[in-house]
Amino acid sequence: MEAGVVRDEDMGKLRMAGAGAAIVGSAVSAELAWLHARELSAFGVICGGATPHCGWCVSAAGLAALAAGLLYAQWRAARPAPVAIRSDDA
């Protein structure tokens, strides 16, 4: 095997590992965003109102989108290729 070449079955494993890591990262970021919002609510300000969203909110959404994209890419790669049916009658 050539250096730097990733086989299809290995790429599927990498996609799933990346999606799992992104899901965990998104869950941790969402929890930290929730804790940040609770901390600020004591001052009467909640993240996302008149104030901009914190980095935890943005990272939770971004990592969730990344996980969805990786899972979609794996789903597309795992589907069998369509088979063209040719008619020799014509």
N, C-alpha and C. Protein backbone atom coordinates (compact mmCIF):
# COMPACT_ATOMS: atom_id res chain seq x y z
N MET A 1 0.84 -1.16 0.00
CA MET A 1 0.00 0.00 0.00
C MET A 1 0.89 1.24 0.00
N GLU A 2 0.49 2.24 -0.78
CA GLU A 2 1.26 3.47 -0.87
C GLU A 2 1.09 4.30 0.39
N ALA A 3 2.11 5.07 0.68
CA ALA A 3 2.03 5.96 1.84
C ALA A 3 1.04 7.08 1.56
N GLY A 4 0.18 7.38 2.52
CA GLY A 4 -0.78 8.46 2.38
C GLY A 4 -2.07 8.06 1.70
N VAL A 5 -2.23 6.81 1.32
CA VAL A 5 -3.45 6.35 0.68
C VAL A 5 -4.33 5.66 1.72
N VAL A 6 -5.58 6.11 1.81
CA VAL A 6 -6.52 5.54 2.78
C VAL A 6 -7.55 4.71 2.01
N ARG A 7 -7.70 3.46 2.41
CA ARG A 7 -8.68 2.60 1.76
C ARG A 7 -10.09 3.02 2.16
N ASP A 8 -11.08 2.60 1.36
CA ASP A 8 -12.47 2.98 1.61
C ASP A 8 -12.97 2.48 2.96
N GLU A 9 -12.64 1.24 3.32
CA GLU A 9 -13.14 0.71 4.59
C GLU A 9 -12.48 1.43 5.78
N ASP A 10 -11.22 1.87 5.60
CA ASP A 10 -10.58 2.65 6.66
C ASP A 10 -11.16 4.05 6.74
N MET A 11 -11.55 4.61 5.60
CA MET A 11 -12.15 5.94 5.60
C MET A 11 -13.48 5.92 6.34
N GLY A 12 -14.23 4.84 6.20
CA GLY A 12 -15.49 4.71 6.93
C GLY A 12 -15.27 4.71 8.43
N LYS A 13 -14.23 4.01 8.86
CA LYS A 13 -13.91 3.99 10.30
C LYS A 13 -13.50 5.37 10.78
N LEU A 14 -12.73 6.08 9.95
CA LEU A 14 -12.31 7.43 10.32
C LEU A 14 -13.50 8.38 10.40
N ARG A 15 -14.44 8.24 9.45
CA ARG A 15 -15.64 9.09 9.49
C ARG A 15 -16.45 8.84 10.75
N MET A 16 -16.64 7.57 11.10
CA MET A 16 -17.44 7.24 12.28
C MET A 16 -16.73 7.68 13.56
N ALA A 17 -15.41 7.53 13.62
CA ALA A 17 -14.67 7.99 14.80
C ALA A 17 -14.75 9.51 14.92
N GLY A 18 -14.64 10.20 13.80
CA GLY A 18 -14.76 11.66 13.81
C GLY A 18 -16.15 12.11 14.21
N ALA A 19 -17.17 11.40 13.73
CA ALA A 19 -18.55 11.75 14.10
C ALA A 19 -18.77 11.52 15.59
N GLY A 20 -18.24 10.43 16.12
CA GLY A 20 -18.38 10.16 17.55
C GLY A 20 -17.69 11.23 18.39
N ALA A 21 -16.49 11.62 17.98
CA ALA A 21 -15.76 12.66 18.71
C ALA A 21 -16.51 14.00 18.62
N ALA A 22 -17.09 14.29 17.46
CA ALA A 22 -17.83 15.54 17.30
C ALA A 22 -19.10 15.54 18.15
N ILE A 23 -19.77 14.40 18.27
CA ILE A 23 -20.97 14.30 19.10
C ILE A 23 -20.61 14.53 20.57
N VAL A 24 -19.52 13.90 21.02
CA VAL A 24 -19.09 14.09 22.41
C VAL A 24 -18.69 15.55 22.64
N GLY A 25 -17.94 16.12 21.72
CA GLY A 25 -17.54 17.52 21.84
C GLY A 25 -18.73 18.46 21.85
N SER A 26 -19.73 18.15 21.03
CA SER A 26 -20.94 18.97 21.00
C SER A 26 -21.70 18.87 22.32
N ALA A 27 -21.78 17.68 22.88
CA ALA A 27 -22.48 17.51 24.16
C ALA A 27 -21.75 18.25 25.29
N VAL A 28 -20.44 18.17 25.31
CA VAL A 28 -19.66 18.88 26.34
C VAL A 28 -19.82 20.39 26.16
N SER A 29 -19.75 20.87 24.93
CA SER A 29 -19.91 22.30 24.68
C SER A 29 -21.30 22.78 25.04
N ALA A 30 -22.31 21.97 24.76
CA ALA A 30 -23.68 22.35 25.12
C ALA A 30 -23.84 22.42 26.63
N GLU A 31 -23.25 21.49 27.34
CA GLU A 31 -23.31 21.52 28.81
C GLU A 31 -22.61 22.76 29.35
N LEU A 32 -21.44 23.09 28.82
CA LEU A 32 -20.73 24.28 29.27
C LEU A 32 -21.48 25.56 28.91
N ALA A 33 -22.15 25.57 27.76
CA ALA A 33 -22.97 26.72 27.39
C ALA A 33 -24.13 26.88 28.36
N TRP A 34 -24.75 25.77 28.75
CA TRP A 34 -25.85 25.81 29.70
C TRP A 34 -25.37 26.33 31.06
N LEU A 35 -24.23 25.85 31.51
CA LEU A 35 -23.67 26.33 32.78
C LEU A 35 -23.32 27.81 32.70
N HIS A 36 -22.80 28.24 31.57
CA HIS A 36 -22.47 29.65 31.38
C HIS A 36 -23.72 30.51 31.42
N ALA A 37 -24.79 30.06 30.78
CA ALA A 37 -26.05 30.81 30.78
C ALA A 37 -26.64 30.87 32.19
N ARG A 38 -26.56 29.76 32.93
CA ARG A 38 -27.06 29.77 34.31
C ARG A 38 -26.26 30.72 35.19
N GLU A 39 -24.96 30.76 34.97
CA GLU A 39 -24.10 31.64 35.74
C GLU A 39 -24.45 33.11 35.48
N LEU A 40 -24.72 33.44 34.21
CA LEU A 40 -25.05 34.82 33.86
C LEU A 40 -26.48 35.19 34.23
N SER A 41 -27.36 34.21 34.38
CA SER A 41 -28.75 34.53 34.70
C SER A 41 -28.88 35.16 36.08
N ALA A 42 -27.92 34.94 36.95
CA ALA A 42 -27.94 35.59 38.27
C ALA A 42 -27.78 37.10 38.13
N PHE A 43 -27.15 37.54 37.03
CA PHE A 43 -26.97 38.97 36.78
C PHE A 43 -28.09 39.55 35.92
N GLY A 44 -29.05 38.72 35.53
CA GLY A 44 -30.15 39.18 34.69
C GLY A 44 -29.86 39.12 33.21
N VAL A 45 -28.69 38.63 32.82
CA VAL A 45 -28.31 38.56 31.41
C VAL A 45 -28.19 37.09 31.03
N ILE A 46 -28.82 36.70 29.96
CA ILE A 46 -28.70 35.33 29.47
C ILE A 46 -28.03 35.37 28.10
N CYS A 47 -27.13 34.47 27.89
CA CYS A 47 -26.39 34.39 26.63
C CYS A 47 -27.36 34.32 25.46
N GLY A 48 -27.20 35.21 24.51
CA GLY A 48 -28.01 35.18 23.31
C GLY A 48 -29.13 36.19 23.30
N GLY A 49 -29.40 36.87 24.41
CA GLY A 49 -30.44 37.90 24.42
C GLY A 49 -29.93 39.14 23.69
N ALA A 50 -29.69 40.21 24.46
CA ALA A 50 -29.09 41.42 23.89
C ALA A 50 -27.59 41.26 23.75
N THR A 51 -27.04 40.25 24.44
CA THR A 51 -25.60 39.99 24.36
C THR A 51 -25.34 38.94 23.29
N PRO A 52 -24.15 38.92 22.72
CA PRO A 52 -23.86 37.89 21.71
C PRO A 52 -23.70 36.52 22.37
N HIS A 53 -23.86 35.50 21.57
CA HIS A 53 -23.67 34.15 22.08
C HIS A 53 -22.21 33.92 22.45
N CYS A 54 -22.01 33.09 23.46
CA CYS A 54 -20.65 32.77 23.88
C CYS A 54 -20.05 31.73 22.92
N GLY A 55 -18.78 31.49 23.09
CA GLY A 55 -18.10 30.52 22.24
C GLY A 55 -18.61 29.11 22.43
N TRP A 56 -19.11 28.79 23.61
CA TRP A 56 -19.63 27.44 23.86
C TRP A 56 -20.87 27.16 23.02
N CYS A 57 -21.73 28.16 22.88
CA CYS A 57 -22.94 27.98 22.05
C CYS A 57 -22.56 27.72 20.60
N VAL A 58 -21.64 28.51 20.11
CA VAL A 58 -21.21 28.39 18.71
C VAL A 58 -20.52 27.05 18.47
N SER A 59 -19.65 26.64 19.40
CA SER A 59 -18.95 25.38 19.20
C SER A 59 -19.89 24.19 19.31
N ALA A 60 -20.90 24.26 20.18
CA ALA A 60 -21.87 23.16 20.27
C ALA A 60 -22.63 23.00 18.96
N ALA A 61 -23.06 24.11 18.37
CA ALA A 61 -23.78 24.05 17.10
C ALA A 61 -22.87 23.59 15.97
N GLY A 62 -21.65 24.10 15.94
CA GLY A 62 -20.71 23.72 14.88
C GLY A 62 -20.33 22.26 14.93
N LEU A 63 -20.07 21.75 16.13
CA LEU A 63 -19.71 20.34 16.24
C LEU A 63 -20.89 19.42 15.93
N ALA A 64 -22.10 19.85 16.29
CA ALA A 64 -23.29 19.05 15.93
C ALA A 64 -23.45 19.00 14.41
N ALA A 65 -23.22 20.13 13.75
CA ALA A 65 -23.30 20.15 12.28
C ALA A 65 -22.20 19.29 11.65
N LEU A 66 -21.01 19.32 12.22
CA LEU A 66 -19.91 18.48 11.73
C LEU A 66 -20.26 17.00 11.88
N ALA A 67 -20.81 16.62 13.03
CA ALA A 67 -21.19 15.22 13.25
C ALA A 67 -22.26 14.79 12.26
N ALA A 68 -23.24 15.66 12.03
CA ALA A 68 -24.30 15.33 11.06
C ALA A 68 -23.71 15.17 9.66
N GLY A 69 -22.79 16.03 9.28
CA GLY A 69 -22.17 15.92 7.96
C GLY A 69 -21.35 14.65 7.81
N LEU A 70 -20.61 14.28 8.84
CA LEU A 70 -19.81 13.05 8.77
C LEU A 70 -20.70 11.81 8.72
N LEU A 71 -21.78 11.82 9.51
CA LEU A 71 -22.70 10.68 9.47
C LEU A 71 -23.39 10.58 8.12
N TYR A 72 -23.74 11.71 7.52
CA TYR A 72 -24.35 11.70 6.20
C TYR A 72 -23.36 11.19 5.15
N ALA A 73 -22.12 11.63 5.24
CA ALA A 73 -21.10 11.16 4.29
C ALA A 73 -20.90 9.65 4.41
N GLN A 74 -20.90 9.14 5.63
CA GLN A 74 -20.75 7.69 5.82
C GLN A 74 -21.97 6.94 5.29
N TRP A 75 -23.16 7.49 5.51
CA TRP A 75 -24.38 6.86 5.01
C TRP A 75 -24.36 6.80 3.48
N ARG A 76 -23.92 7.90 2.84
CA ARG A 76 -23.85 7.91 1.37
C ARG A 76 -22.80 6.92 0.86
N ALA A 77 -21.69 6.80 1.56
CA ALA A 77 -20.63 5.89 1.12
C ALA A 77 -21.02 4.44 1.34
N ALA A 78 -21.85 4.16 2.33
CA ALA A 78 -22.22 2.79 2.64
C ALA A 78 -23.33 2.26 1.73
N ARG A 79 -24.03 3.15 1.06
CA ARG A 79 -25.10 2.70 0.15
C ARG A 79 -24.49 2.04 -1.07
N PRO A 80 -25.11 0.98 -1.55
CA PRO A 80 -24.57 0.35 -2.77
C PRO A 80 -24.77 1.26 -3.98
N ALA A 81 -23.85 1.17 -4.90
CA ALA A 81 -23.94 1.98 -6.12
C ALA A 81 -25.12 1.49 -6.96
N PRO A 82 -25.82 2.42 -7.60
CA PRO A 82 -26.93 2.00 -8.46
C PRO A 82 -26.43 1.20 -9.65
N VAL A 83 -27.19 0.22 -10.03
CA VAL A 83 -26.82 -0.64 -11.15
C VAL A 83 -27.63 -0.22 -12.36
N ALA A 84 -26.96 0.11 -13.44
CA ALA A 84 -27.64 0.48 -14.66
C ALA A 84 -28.07 -0.78 -15.39
N ILE A 85 -29.32 -0.83 -15.77
CA ILE A 85 -29.86 -1.97 -16.51
C ILE A 85 -29.91 -1.57 -17.99
N ARG A 86 -29.18 -2.32 -18.77
CA ARG A 86 -29.09 -2.02 -20.19
C ARG A 86 -29.94 -3.03 -20.94
N SER A 87 -30.68 -2.55 -21.86
CA SER A 87 -31.50 -3.41 -22.69
C SER A 87 -30.84 -3.56 -24.06
N ASP A 88 -30.59 -4.80 -24.45
CA ASP A 88 -29.97 -5.06 -25.75
C ASP A 88 -31.02 -5.29 -26.83
N ASP A 89 -32.30 -5.09 -26.48
CA ASP A 89 -33.38 -5.33 -27.45
C ASP A 89 -33.48 -4.23 -28.49
N ALA A 90 -32.99 -3.07 -28.20
CA ALA A 90 -33.17 -1.93 -29.13
C ALA A 90 -32.25 -2.00 -30.30
